[in-house]
C-alpha atoms as a PDB file:
ATOM      1  CA  UNK A   1      41.030  66.220  90.998  1.00  0.00           C
ATOM      2  CA  UNK A   2      39.886  67.574  87.665  1.00  0.00           C
ATOM      3  CA  UNK A   3      41.078  70.384  86.014  1.00  0.00           C
ATOM      4  CA  UNK A   4      39.655  73.968  86.393  1.00  0.00           C
ATOM      5  CA  UNK A   5      36.196  74.470  84.473  1.00  0.00           C
ATOM      6  CA  UNK A   6      36.442  76.603  81.520  1.00  0.00           C
ATOM      7  CA  UNK A   7      33.426  78.707  82.827  1.00  0.00           C
ATOM      8  CA  UNK A   8      34.272  81.743  84.783  1.00  0.00           C
ATOM      9  CA  UNK A   9      33.526  81.505  88.389  1.00  0.00           C
ATOM     10  CA  UNK A  10      30.955  83.790  89.916  1.00  0.00           C
ATOM     11  CA  UNK A  11      33.445  85.334  92.344  1.00  0.00           C
ATOM     12  CA  UNK A  12      37.094  85.161  93.177  1.00  0.00           C
ATOM     13  CA  UNK A  13      38.420  85.110  96.853  1.00  0.00           C
ATOM     14  CA  UNK A  14      42.105  85.697  97.484  1.00  0.00           C
ATOM     15  CA  UNK A  15      43.040  84.322 100.907  1.00  0.00           C
ATOM     16  CA  UNK A  16      46.718  83.790 100.309  1.00  0.00           C
ATOM     17  CA  UNK A  17      47.695  86.188 103.055  1.00  0.00           C
ATOM     18  CA  UNK A  18      45.153  84.601 105.692  1.00  0.00           C
ATOM     19  CA  UNK A  19      45.936  81.898 108.140  1.00  0.00           C
ATOM     20  CA  UNK A  20      43.689  79.272 109.744  1.00  0.00           C
ATOM     21  CA  UNK A  21      40.861  79.264 110.738  1.00  0.00           C
ATOM     22  CA  UNK A  22      40.277  82.624 108.923  1.00  0.00           C
ATOM     23  CA  UNK A  23      40.866  80.974 105.695  1.00  0.00           C
ATOM     24  CA  UNK A  24      37.627  79.130 106.101  1.00  0.00           C
ATOM     25  CA  UNK A  25      35.917  81.843 107.799  1.00  0.00           C
ATOM     26  CA  UNK A  26      36.413  84.113 104.664  1.00  0.00           C
ATOM     27  CA  UNK A  27      35.578  81.352 102.399  1.00  0.00           C
ATOM     28  CA  UNK A  28      32.371  80.451 104.071  1.00  0.00           C
ATOM     29  CA  UNK A  29      31.195  84.051 104.111  1.00  0.00           C
ATOM     30  CA  UNK A  30      31.884  84.252 100.394  1.00  0.00           C
ATOM     31  CA  UNK A  31      29.944  81.020  99.724  1.00  0.00           C
ATOM     32  CA  UNK A  32      26.966  82.229 101.679  1.00  0.00           C
ATOM     33  CA  UNK A  33      26.826  85.346  99.403  1.00  0.00           C
ATOM     34  CA  UNK A  34      26.424  83.128  96.545  1.00  0.00           C
ATOM     35  CA  UNK A  35      23.208  81.738  95.178  1.00  0.00           C
ATOM     36  CA  UNK A  36      23.108  77.724  95.149  1.00  0.00           C
ATOM     37  CA  UNK A  37      24.914  76.289  92.225  1.00  0.00           C
ATOM     38  CA  UNK A  38      27.360  79.257  91.747  1.00  0.00           C
ATOM     39  CA  UNK A  39      31.046  78.771  91.789  1.00  0.00           C
ATOM     40  CA  UNK A  40      33.740  80.395  93.912  1.00  0.00           C
ATOM     41  CA  UNK A  41      37.357  80.352  92.877  1.00  0.00           C
ATOM     42  CA  UNK A  42      39.576  80.462  96.266  1.00  0.00           C
ATOM     43  CA  UNK A  43      43.157  81.248  95.958  1.00  0.00           C
ATOM     44  CA  UNK A  44      45.063  80.031  99.040  1.00  0.00           C
ATOM     45  CA  UNK A  45      48.585  79.336 100.122  1.00  0.00           C
ATOM     46  CA  UNK A  46      50.009  76.980 102.638  1.00  0.00           C
ATOM     47  CA  UNK A  47      49.445  73.213 103.668  1.00  0.00           C
ATOM     48  CA  UNK A  48      46.934  73.741 106.304  1.00  0.00           C
ATOM     49  CA  UNK A  49      44.534  75.705 104.201  1.00  0.00           C
ATOM     50  CA  UNK A  50      45.073  73.605 101.155  1.00  0.00           C
ATOM     51  CA  UNK A  51      43.985  70.518 103.198  1.00  0.00           C
ATOM     52  CA  UNK A  52      41.315  72.086 105.471  1.00  0.00           C
ATOM     53  CA  UNK A  53      39.362  74.601 103.196  1.00  0.00           C
ATOM     54  CA  UNK A  54      38.249  72.001 100.880  1.00  0.00           C
ATOM     55  CA  UNK A  55      37.541  69.380 103.434  1.00  0.00           C
ATOM     56  CA  UNK A  56      35.414  71.795 105.345  1.00  0.00           C
ATOM     57  CA  UNK A  57      33.615  73.102 102.359  1.00  0.00           C
ATOM     58  CA  UNK A  58      32.673  69.682 101.422  1.00  0.00           C
ATOM     59  CA  UNK A  59      31.493  68.903 105.047  1.00  0.00           C
ATOM     60  CA  UNK A  60      29.253  71.790 104.848  1.00  0.00           C
ATOM     61  CA  UNK A  61      27.562  70.623 101.694  1.00  0.00           C
ATOM     62  CA  UNK A  62      29.546  72.437  98.919  1.00  0.00           C
ATOM     63  CA  UNK A  63      30.993  70.614  96.009  1.00  0.00           C
ATOM     64  CA  UNK A  64      34.960  70.775  95.208  1.00  0.00           C
ATOM     65  CA  UNK A  65      35.051  70.927  91.450  1.00  0.00           C
ATOM     66  CA  UNK A  66      38.921  71.261  91.171  1.00  0.00           C
ATOM     67  CA  UNK A  67      41.957  71.863  93.049  1.00  0.00           C
ATOM     68  CA  UNK A  68      45.421  72.762  91.436  1.00  0.00           C
ATOM     69  CA  UNK A  69      48.685  73.769  92.991  1.00  0.00           C
ATOM     70  CA  UNK A  70      50.433  76.238  91.013  1.00  0.00           C
ATOM     71  CA  UNK A  71      54.286  76.651  90.684  1.00  0.00           C
ATOM     72  CA  UNK A  72      53.703  79.986  92.298  1.00  0.00           C
ATOM     73  CA  UNK A  73      52.703  78.353  95.544  1.00  0.00           C
ATOM     74  CA  UNK A  74      49.147  79.315  95.272  1.00  0.00           C
ATOM     75  CA  UNK A  75      46.514  76.700  95.260  1.00  0.00           C
ATOM     76  CA  UNK A  76      43.429  77.344  93.121  1.00  0.00           C
ATOM     77  CA  UNK A  77      40.421  75.747  94.530  1.00  0.00           C
ATOM     78  CA  UNK A  78      37.023  75.860  92.620  1.00  0.00           C
ATOM     79  CA  UNK A  79      34.031  75.393  94.814  1.00  0.00           C
ATOM     80  CA  UNK A  80      30.179  75.093  93.818  1.00  0.00           C
ATOM     81  CA  UNK A  81      27.706  76.166  96.483  1.00  0.00           C
ATOM     82  CA  UNK A  82      25.582  73.595  97.548  1.00  0.00           C
END
């Protein structure tokens, strides 16, 4: 995955305390509030959300711009609304 884009995302969503399936439900609601082409930075924690949120977002027509796993255990996922 490429590194994070230097441009600031339109919105940041912290779902580090959520569990599946709520991780993607919250992500989808946030994406729905954005205009097409805007970006959403999602902060998440855990193996299941790390795999499922980007996969499901891509399946719904959104673009995964980057995904970084931090030393703090938080994954930073940058999505562009399709």
